[in-house]
Amino acid sequence: MIDQLLEKIAGKKALVGVVGLGYVGLPLVREFTRSGVKVMGFDIDPEKVRSLMAGRSYIEHIPAKTIRAMLAGRLFTATTDFKRLSRPDAILIAVPTPLTKMREPDTTYVEATARAIARVLRKGQLIVLESTTYPGTTREVMLPILETSGLKVGKDFFLAYSPEREDPGRTDYTTKTIPKVVGGYDDDSLAAAVAIYETALDTVVPVSSCEAAEACKILENTYRCVNIALVNELKMLFDRMGIDIWSVIHAAATKPFGFQPFYPGPGLGGHCIPIDPFYLSWKAKQYGMTTRFIELAGEINVRMPEFVLHKTIEALNQGGMALKGAKVLVLGLAYKKDVDDVRESPSLELIELLKAHGANVDYNDPHVPRTHKMREHNLKMRSVPLTSANLRKYDAVLISTDHSAYDYAFIVRHAKLVIDTRNATAGVRVGKRKVVQA
């Protein structure tokens, strides 16, 4: 059975199914179709499916012409009909893995997808989970559900884990060029997973097991979380000491060894770094361990929006104004510069905190014209134009995301007060007295 699947993959006759057509799934679709492999996309959102089938894109860095090219080549189709999951030879799962309100793993979407596959699972199929999660999810959560089909892993179907490594907005690395880590349930599963990814991606990195691949992704993001927490804590300390954290980091970065710069901000955003360390901490408790170092880092990063809030209150107070009733413009809704991705963005929490304290809040983001309903937020807001007249209307302008499109000299010139959480105004020379670092 494995020989038949490998032969099909080698001849680019295998149909790939991608479940979840978001920031991870859609770039995967693009790369497979570019390599001449047919892809069937699955999503529970009918509006996404309608948009794609009409040749429209809802992700900024994947233009509509890319979608139209996939459709024109008859290499891509999208559907909400999960009964059709019996058709693909390889199914790649890229669904959300959020946290519950208690900061515990929420594998609801993974489990629902596994059940949908189990209902139509056929012999010879390869199932690969890509969603970021804790070590053991593929074997302990996915596998028992898949085997309710009556089929057995390694004998009737193949199972693997390959962590997504998307970084929206990057131009130096793409889905195609970022090395793809793959761990299989067994040797045949690993061989099948490596073969399918090698048809579309430049470099595939096999590891010893699903658990090793799952742990790899958690390590990558925990490393970043801990180091960002360190500079965030130093930012709060140095603020009290009257020391500019940004100049300190830039000075330290001149050391050619033993130091890698990380930068503070208003909080962590994106789907991975704010979430993954909590997944690992939760899993560690099953082994009688408390990951205090990781949990502390998470707590520090979670506190950053509150720090920014208090800096805003202090800055307004110095001008004789309370936050309650003040007009505040938040610049940047996306979680990082030059993208339209708002998942877990600290800007969302900042807006809600400001509103909870009585401020009248608007936002501007050239990449996010309007907000949409999410699991935790439903702001129902539209981006306001960034004009000189508009800037003068606000009592404070809070830079939350340092988009390249912003003219920071223009912003500082026309704003009454600027709260800068990203050191975005570092190059501005005129009006610096109006800028408060936060």
Protein backbone atom coordinates (compact mmCIF):
# COMPACT_ATOMS: atom_id res chain seq x y z
CA MET A 1 0.00 0.00 0.00
CA ILE A 2 2.80 2.42 0.81
CA ASP A 3 4.46 1.66 -2.54
CA GLN A 4 1.26 2.60 -4.39
CA LEU A 5 0.98 5.89 -2.52
CA LEU A 6 4.65 6.76 -3.05
CA GLU A 7 4.36 5.96 -6.76
CA LYS A 8 1.32 8.20 -7.03
CA ILE A 9 3.11 11.04 -5.23
CA ALA A 10 6.26 10.67 -7.35
CA GLY A 11 4.15 10.96 -10.53
CA LYS A 12 2.35 14.03 -9.12
CA LYS A 13 -0.92 12.17 -9.47
CA ALA A 14 -1.77 12.29 -5.78
CA LEU A 15 -4.59 14.65 -4.80
CA VAL A 16 -3.74 16.79 -1.77
CA GLY A 17 -6.47 17.92 0.62
CA VAL A 18 -5.89 20.97 2.83
CA VAL A 19 -8.26 21.48 5.75
CA GLY A 20 -8.35 25.09 6.93
CA LEU A 21 -7.80 27.75 4.27
CA GLY A 22 -6.30 30.49 6.40
CA TYR A 23 -2.81 31.94 6.94
CA VAL A 24 -1.29 28.44 7.00
CA GLY A 25 -3.51 26.44 4.68
CA LEU A 26 -3.76 28.85 1.77
CA PRO A 27 0.03 29.31 1.33
CA LEU A 28 0.31 25.50 1.30
CA VAL A 29 -2.31 25.32 -1.44
CA ARG A 30 -0.35 27.88 -3.44
CA GLU A 31 2.92 25.93 -3.27
CA PHE A 32 1.40 22.57 -4.17
CA THR A 33 -0.48 23.98 -7.15
CA ARG A 34 2.65 25.82 -8.32
CA SER A 35 4.43 22.46 -8.38
CA GLY A 36 1.66 20.94 -10.53
CA VAL A 37 -0.14 19.03 -7.77
CA LYS A 38 -3.93 19.16 -7.61
CA VAL A 39 -5.38 20.41 -4.32
CA MET A 40 -8.82 20.25 -2.78
CA GLY A 41 -9.32 22.81 -0.02
CA PHE A 42 -11.76 22.39 2.86
CA ASP A 43 -13.11 25.08 5.18
CA ILE A 44 -16.15 25.44 7.44
CA ASP A 45 -16.59 29.08 6.38
CA PRO A 46 -18.76 29.21 3.24
CA GLU A 47 -17.78 32.85 2.60
CA LYS A 48 -14.10 31.88 2.34
CA VAL A 49 -14.95 29.11 -0.10
CA ARG A 50 -17.15 31.40 -2.22
CA SER A 51 -14.44 34.04 -2.26
CA LEU A 52 -11.75 31.60 -3.39
CA MET A 53 -13.91 29.98 -6.04
CA ALA A 54 -14.67 33.46 -7.41
CA GLY A 55 -10.93 34.18 -7.66
CA ARG A 56 -10.77 36.53 -4.68
CA SER A 57 -8.30 36.45 -1.80
CA TYR A 58 -8.88 37.45 1.83
CA ILE A 59 -5.18 37.32 2.77
CA GLU A 60 -3.13 40.35 1.78
CA HIS A 61 0.15 38.61 0.88
CA ILE A 62 -1.65 36.11 -1.39
CA PRO A 63 -3.04 38.29 -4.20
CA ALA A 64 -6.20 37.52 -6.14
CA LYS A 65 -4.14 36.83 -9.28
CA THR A 66 -2.57 33.86 -7.46
CA ILE A 67 -6.00 32.43 -6.69
CA ARG A 68 -7.15 33.00 -10.26
CA ALA A 69 -4.05 31.24 -11.59
CA MET A 70 -4.76 28.18 -9.41
CA LEU A 71 -8.33 28.06 -10.67
CA ALA A 72 -7.40 28.65 -14.30
CA GLY A 73 -4.97 25.75 -14.18
CA ARG A 74 -7.72 23.53 -12.80
CA LEU A 75 -5.39 22.59 -9.98
CA PHE A 76 -7.52 23.90 -7.12
CA THR A 77 -11.04 23.64 -5.87
CA ALA A 78 -12.50 24.57 -2.48
CA THR A 79 -15.48 23.15 -0.65
CA THR A 80 -17.35 23.09 2.66
CA ASP A 81 -18.43 19.49 2.03
CA PHE A 82 -16.29 17.41 4.39
CA LYS A 83 -17.77 14.18 3.00
CA ARG A 84 -15.40 14.73 0.10
CA LEU A 85 -12.43 14.11 2.40
CA SER A 86 -12.42 10.53 1.08
CA ARG A 87 -11.04 11.81 -2.23
CA PRO A 88 -7.57 13.24 -1.37
CA ASP A 89 -4.64 10.86 -1.10
CA ALA A 90 -2.99 13.13 1.49
CA ILE A 91 -4.90 15.35 3.92
CA LEU A 92 -3.02 18.22 5.56
CA ILE A 93 -4.77 19.74 8.58
CA ALA A 94 -4.19 23.43 9.34
CA VAL A 95 -6.97 24.36 11.76
CA PRO A 96 -6.81 26.68 14.81
CA THR A 97 -5.52 25.45 18.17
CA PRO A 98 -6.46 28.27 20.58
CA LEU A 99 -6.46 28.44 24.36
CA THR A 100 -9.50 28.17 26.58
CA LYS A 101 -10.32 31.00 29.01
CA MET A 102 -8.37 28.99 31.60
CA ARG A 103 -5.32 29.04 29.27
CA GLU A 104 -5.54 25.34 28.56
CA PRO A 105 -5.26 23.73 25.08
CA ASP A 106 -8.44 23.83 23.03
CA THR A 107 -8.21 20.99 20.51
CA THR A 108 -11.86 21.32 19.49
CA TYR A 109 -11.05 22.07 15.85
CA VAL A 110 -8.47 19.28 15.59
CA GLU A 111 -10.90 16.75 17.06
CA ALA A 112 -13.78 17.87 14.83
CA THR A 113 -11.56 17.54 11.76
CA ALA A 114 -10.39 14.08 12.85
CA ARG A 115 -14.01 12.96 13.28
CA ALA A 116 -14.91 14.29 9.83
CA ILE A 117 -11.99 12.37 8.31
CA ALA A 118 -12.79 9.20 10.28
CA ARG A 119 -16.30 9.10 8.83
CA VAL A 120 -14.92 8.77 5.28
CA LEU A 121 -11.36 7.51 5.82
CA ARG A 122 -10.26 5.00 3.20
CA LYS A 123 -7.28 2.72 2.86
CA GLY A 124 -4.07 4.26 1.59
CA GLN A 125 -4.66 7.81 2.77
CA LEU A 126 -2.01 9.93 4.52
CA ILE A 127 -3.17 12.26 7.32
CA VAL A 128 -0.80 15.05 8.47
CA LEU A 129 -1.55 17.44 11.31
CA GLU A 130 0.10 20.87 10.92
CA SER A 131 -1.66 22.82 13.68
CA THR A 132 0.69 23.90 16.47
CA THR A 133 0.03 21.86 19.58
CA TYR A 134 1.60 20.02 22.52
CA PRO A 135 3.73 16.87 22.12
CA GLY A 136 1.46 13.83 21.98
CA THR A 137 -1.56 15.38 20.23
CA THR A 138 -1.19 13.40 17.00
CA ARG A 139 -0.87 10.06 18.80
CA GLU A 140 -3.15 10.70 21.79
CA VAL A 141 -5.92 12.84 20.28
CA MET A 142 -5.93 12.35 16.51
CA LEU A 143 -5.15 8.65 16.25
CA PRO A 144 -7.93 7.22 18.50
CA ILE A 145 -10.51 9.26 16.60
CA LEU A 146 -9.20 8.20 13.20
CA GLU A 147 -9.22 4.54 14.22
CA THR A 148 -12.94 4.70 15.04
CA SER A 149 -13.20 4.22 11.27
CA GLY A 150 -12.18 0.62 11.79
CA LEU A 151 -8.94 1.18 9.88
CA LYS A 152 -5.53 0.79 11.54
CA VAL A 153 -2.63 3.18 11.33
CA GLY A 154 0.46 1.78 9.61
CA LYS A 155 -1.61 -0.94 8.02
CA ASP A 156 -4.53 0.85 6.37
CA PHE A 157 -3.59 4.53 6.54
CA PHE A 158 -0.61 6.70 7.42
CA LEU A 159 -0.25 9.43 10.03
CA ALA A 160 2.30 12.22 10.54
CA TYR A 161 2.87 15.62 12.10
CA SER A 162 4.56 18.57 10.40
CA PRO A 163 4.52 21.94 12.19
CA GLU A 164 3.61 25.02 10.19
CA ARG A 165 6.31 27.67 10.07
CA GLU A 166 4.49 30.56 8.44
CA ASP A 167 5.63 34.12 9.13
CA PRO A 168 3.29 36.49 7.27
CA GLY A 169 4.96 39.52 5.77
CA ARG A 170 8.42 38.02 5.31
CA THR A 171 10.01 38.30 1.89
CA ASP A 172 13.35 36.59 2.58
CA TYR A 173 11.69 33.25 3.43
CA THR A 174 8.50 31.75 2.01
CA THR A 175 6.41 28.63 2.54
CA LYS A 176 8.48 27.00 -0.21
CA THR A 177 11.92 27.87 1.19
CA ILE A 178 11.37 27.46 4.95
CA PRO A 179 12.63 23.95 5.91
CA LYS A 180 9.72 21.60 6.66
CA VAL A 181 10.08 19.40 9.75
CA VAL A 182 8.20 16.09 9.51
CA GLY A 183 7.66 13.31 12.05
CA GLY A 184 5.78 10.11 11.24
CA TYR A 185 3.87 7.59 13.34
CA ASP A 186 6.03 4.87 11.76
CA ASP A 187 8.57 4.52 8.96
CA ASP A 188 5.98 4.24 6.19
CA SER A 189 4.07 7.25 7.47
CA LEU A 190 7.28 9.28 7.56
CA ALA A 191 8.22 8.20 4.04
CA ALA A 192 4.81 9.21 2.71
CA ALA A 193 4.83 12.59 4.47
CA VAL A 194 8.36 13.41 3.34
CA ALA A 195 7.46 12.46 -0.23
CA ILE A 196 4.33 14.64 -0.36
CA TYR A 197 6.09 17.74 0.96
CA GLU A 198 9.09 17.22 -1.30
CA THR A 199 6.84 17.66 -4.32
CA ALA A 200 6.26 21.32 -3.37
CA LEU A 201 8.87 22.51 -0.86
CA ASP A 202 12.63 22.96 -1.13
CA THR A 203 13.81 21.28 2.07
CA VAL A 204 12.18 18.57 4.20
CA VAL A 205 13.68 17.67 7.58
CA PRO A 206 12.63 14.20 8.85
CA VAL A 207 12.68 13.63 12.62
CA SER A 208 12.26 10.52 14.74
CA SER A 209 8.57 10.74 15.66
CA CYS A 210 5.39 12.82 15.68
CA GLU A 211 6.24 13.87 19.22
CA ALA A 212 9.70 15.14 18.20
CA ALA A 213 8.14 17.26 15.44
CA GLU A 214 5.50 18.61 17.83
CA ALA A 215 8.15 19.45 20.43
CA CYS A 216 10.30 21.16 17.79
CA LYS A 217 7.61 23.73 17.08
CA ILE A 218 6.94 24.31 20.77
CA LEU A 219 10.67 24.82 21.40
CA GLU A 220 10.98 27.38 18.59
CA ASN A 221 8.14 29.53 19.89
CA THR A 222 8.93 29.11 23.59
CA TYR A 223 12.47 30.31 22.86
CA ARG A 224 11.07 33.48 21.33
CA CYS A 225 8.46 33.92 24.05
CA VAL A 226 11.02 33.70 26.86
CA ASN A 227 13.47 36.10 25.23
CA ILE A 228 10.76 38.63 24.41
CA ALA A 229 9.54 38.37 28.01
CA LEU A 230 13.07 39.16 29.18
CA VAL A 231 13.28 42.40 27.19
CA ASN A 232 9.70 43.29 28.11
CA GLU A 233 10.56 42.98 31.79
CA LEU A 234 13.74 45.01 31.28
CA LYS A 235 11.67 47.60 29.41
CA MET A 236 9.47 48.09 32.49
CA LEU A 237 12.49 48.17 34.82
CA PHE A 238 14.55 50.53 32.66
CA ASP A 239 11.53 52.79 32.27
CA ARG A 240 11.58 53.34 36.05
CA MET A 241 15.34 53.87 35.95
CA GLY A 242 15.11 56.42 33.14
CA ILE A 243 17.10 54.24 30.73
CA ASP A 244 16.13 53.82 27.05
CA ILE A 245 15.73 50.07 26.50
CA TRP A 246 16.05 50.47 22.72
CA SER A 247 19.47 52.10 22.90
CA VAL A 248 20.59 49.39 25.32
CA ILE A 249 19.50 46.61 22.94
CA HIS A 250 21.15 48.28 19.96
CA ALA A 251 24.38 48.65 21.92
CA ALA A 252 24.32 45.02 23.10
CA ALA A 253 23.67 43.85 19.53
CA THR A 254 27.06 45.18 18.47
CA LYS A 255 28.61 42.19 20.23
CA PRO A 256 29.45 39.73 17.43
CA PHE A 257 28.83 36.63 19.55
CA GLY A 258 26.75 35.44 22.50
CA PHE A 259 23.84 37.84 21.99
CA GLN A 260 20.79 37.86 19.75
CA PRO A 261 18.56 40.96 19.90
CA PHE A 262 14.88 40.65 20.80
CA TYR A 263 12.65 43.67 21.05
CA PRO A 264 9.90 44.71 23.49
CA GLY A 265 6.39 45.66 22.49
CA PRO A 266 2.82 46.19 23.70
CA GLY A 267 2.25 42.44 24.01
CA LEU A 268 2.59 39.29 21.93
CA GLY A 269 0.52 38.59 18.86
CA GLY A 270 0.09 35.99 16.15
CA HIS A 271 -1.22 32.49 16.56
CA CYS A 272 1.94 30.87 17.94
CA ILE A 273 4.05 32.75 20.48
CA PRO A 274 1.22 33.89 22.82
CA ILE A 275 -0.24 30.36 22.87
CA ASP A 276 2.36 27.62 22.43
CA PRO A 277 4.23 27.99 25.75
CA PHE A 278 0.95 27.53 27.63
CA TYR A 279 0.38 24.30 25.68
CA LEU A 280 3.73 23.00 26.87
CA SER A 281 3.12 24.09 30.47
CA TRP A 282 -0.22 22.29 30.47
CA LYS A 283 1.35 19.10 29.10
CA ALA A 284 4.21 19.24 31.61
CA LYS A 285 1.74 18.95 34.49
CA GLN A 286 0.80 15.48 33.23
CA TYR A 287 4.40 14.50 33.97
CA GLY A 288 4.44 16.05 37.43
CA MET A 289 6.45 19.10 36.38
CA THR A 290 5.78 22.79 36.74
CA THR A 291 7.49 24.82 34.02
CA ARG A 292 7.89 27.94 36.15
CA PHE A 293 10.34 29.64 33.82
CA ILE A 294 8.01 29.32 30.82
CA GLU A 295 4.91 30.28 32.78
CA LEU A 296 6.62 33.39 34.17
CA ALA A 297 7.56 34.47 30.64
CA GLY A 298 3.95 34.04 29.56
CA GLU A 299 2.72 36.11 32.50
CA ILE A 300 5.14 38.96 31.74
CA ASN A 301 4.08 39.13 28.11
CA VAL A 302 0.39 39.00 29.01
CA ARG A 303 0.92 42.02 31.32
CA MET A 304 2.33 44.31 28.64
CA PRO A 305 -0.99 45.83 27.44
CA GLU A 306 -1.64 46.89 31.05
CA PHE A 307 1.79 48.55 31.16
CA VAL A 308 0.97 50.49 27.97
CA LEU A 309 -2.40 51.48 29.42
CA HIS A 310 -0.79 52.93 32.55
CA LYS A 311 1.84 54.80 30.51
CA THR A 312 -1.01 56.32 28.48
CA ILE A 313 -2.85 57.34 31.65
CA GLU A 314 0.33 58.93 33.07
CA ALA A 315 1.05 60.82 29.85
CA LEU A 316 -2.49 62.23 29.70
CA ASN A 317 -2.37 63.14 33.40
CA GLN A 318 0.77 65.18 32.86
CA GLY A 319 -1.21 67.25 30.38
CA GLY A 320 -4.02 67.70 32.88
CA MET A 321 -6.37 65.20 31.24
CA ALA A 322 -7.98 61.96 32.42
CA LEU A 323 -8.24 58.86 30.23
CA LYS A 324 -11.98 58.80 30.81
CA GLY A 325 -13.52 60.87 28.06
CA ALA A 326 -10.24 61.22 26.16
CA LYS A 327 -10.11 60.54 22.43
CA VAL A 328 -7.43 57.95 21.57
CA LEU A 329 -6.35 56.78 18.13
CA VAL A 330 -4.61 53.39 18.01
CA LEU A 331 -2.26 53.02 15.06
CA GLY A 332 -2.01 49.45 13.83
CA LEU A 333 -4.46 46.62 14.43
CA ALA A 334 -2.34 43.81 12.97
CA TYR A 335 -0.11 41.89 15.37
CA LYS A 336 3.06 42.76 13.42
CA LYS A 337 4.16 45.31 10.86
CA ASP A 338 3.12 45.23 7.21
CA VAL A 339 0.57 42.38 7.43
CA ASP A 340 -3.20 42.11 7.72
CA ASP A 341 -3.10 39.35 10.36
CA VAL A 342 -4.83 40.36 13.61
CA ARG A 343 -4.77 36.99 15.38
CA GLU A 344 -4.04 37.50 19.10
CA SER A 345 -2.97 41.08 18.34
CA PRO A 346 -2.21 43.14 21.47
CA SER A 347 -3.95 46.05 19.73
CA LEU A 348 -7.28 44.32 20.26
CA GLU A 349 -6.75 44.09 23.99
CA LEU A 350 -5.41 47.64 24.15
CA ILE A 351 -8.56 48.97 22.48
CA GLU A 352 -10.77 47.04 24.88
CA LEU A 353 -8.74 48.21 27.91
CA LEU A 354 -8.90 51.84 26.78
CA LYS A 355 -12.64 51.60 26.23
CA ALA A 356 -13.13 49.92 29.62
CA HIS A 357 -11.44 52.95 31.22
CA GLY A 358 -13.80 55.36 29.49
CA ALA A 359 -11.75 56.43 26.49
CA ASN A 360 -13.29 57.05 23.07
CA VAL A 361 -11.18 54.89 20.78
CA ASP A 362 -10.66 54.69 17.03
CA TYR A 363 -7.99 52.89 15.04
CA ASN A 364 -6.14 53.19 11.77
CA ASP A 365 -4.50 50.35 9.90
CA PRO A 366 -3.71 50.50 6.16
CA HIS A 367 -3.81 46.69 6.05
CA VAL A 368 -7.01 46.14 8.06
CA PRO A 369 -9.88 48.33 6.79
CA ARG A 370 -12.40 46.86 9.22
CA THR A 371 -12.56 44.45 12.14
CA HIS A 372 -14.30 41.10 11.97
CA LYS A 373 -15.77 38.80 14.57
CA MET A 374 -13.20 36.58 16.26
CA ARG A 375 -13.35 34.02 19.05
CA GLU A 376 -12.54 36.56 21.79
CA HIS A 377 -13.19 39.93 20.16
CA ASN A 378 -15.89 41.64 18.12
CA LEU A 379 -14.97 45.33 18.04
CA LYS A 380 -17.21 46.30 15.08
CA MET A 381 -14.85 49.11 14.05
CA ARG A 382 -13.54 50.61 10.80
CA SER A 383 -10.16 52.16 10.15
CA VAL A 384 -10.34 55.96 10.17
CA PRO A 385 -8.36 58.04 7.63
CA LEU A 386 -4.95 59.16 8.82
CA THR A 387 -5.11 62.85 7.92
CA SER A 388 -3.59 65.87 9.63
CA ALA A 389 -7.06 67.08 10.59
CA ASN A 390 -7.96 63.70 12.06
CA LEU A 391 -4.71 63.44 14.01
CA ARG A 392 -5.38 66.81 15.66
CA LYS A 393 -8.77 65.59 16.89
CA TYR A 394 -7.25 63.01 19.26
CA ASP A 395 -5.88 63.62 22.71
CA ALA A 396 -3.42 60.76 22.24
CA VAL A 397 -2.16 58.68 19.33
CA LEU A 398 -0.94 55.23 20.42
CA ILE A 399 1.46 53.44 18.06
CA SER A 400 0.79 49.74 18.59
CA THR A 401 2.02 48.35 15.24
CA ASP A 402 4.91 50.00 13.40
CA HIS A 403 3.74 49.63 9.81
CA SER A 404 6.22 50.83 7.17
CA ALA A 405 3.44 52.78 5.46
CA TYR A 406 3.23 55.25 8.34
CA ASP A 407 4.98 58.61 8.06
CA TYR A 408 6.02 58.98 11.68
CA ALA A 409 7.32 62.52 11.26
CA PHE A 410 3.90 63.49 9.89
CA ILE A 411 2.17 61.73 12.78
CA VAL A 412 4.29 63.42 15.45
CA ARG A 413 3.94 66.81 13.78
CA HIS A 414 0.13 66.79 13.84
CA ALA A 415 -0.65 64.74 16.97
CA LYS A 416 -1.03 66.34 20.40
CA LEU A 417 0.55 63.36 22.18
CA VAL A 418 2.16 60.16 20.85
CA ILE A 419 2.49 56.95 22.87
CA ASP A 420 5.14 54.87 21.08
CA THR A 421 5.30 51.17 22.00
CA ARG A 422 7.61 50.17 19.12
CA ASN A 423 10.31 52.87 19.02
CA ALA A 424 8.80 53.77 15.65
CA THR A 425 9.51 57.49 16.15
CA ALA A 426 13.23 56.99 16.81
CA GLY A 427 14.17 58.80 13.61
CA VAL A 428 11.83 61.74 14.18
CA ARG A 429 13.68 64.92 15.15
CA VAL A 430 10.93 67.55 15.38
CA GLY A 431 8.30 67.33 18.10
CA LYS A 432 10.02 64.64 20.19
CA ARG A 433 8.74 66.28 23.39
CA LYS A 434 5.26 65.06 22.42
CA VAL A 435 6.43 61.41 22.28
CA VAL A 436 6.24 59.07 25.26
CA GLN A 437 7.89 55.64 25.06
CA ALA A 438 5.66 52.85 26.40
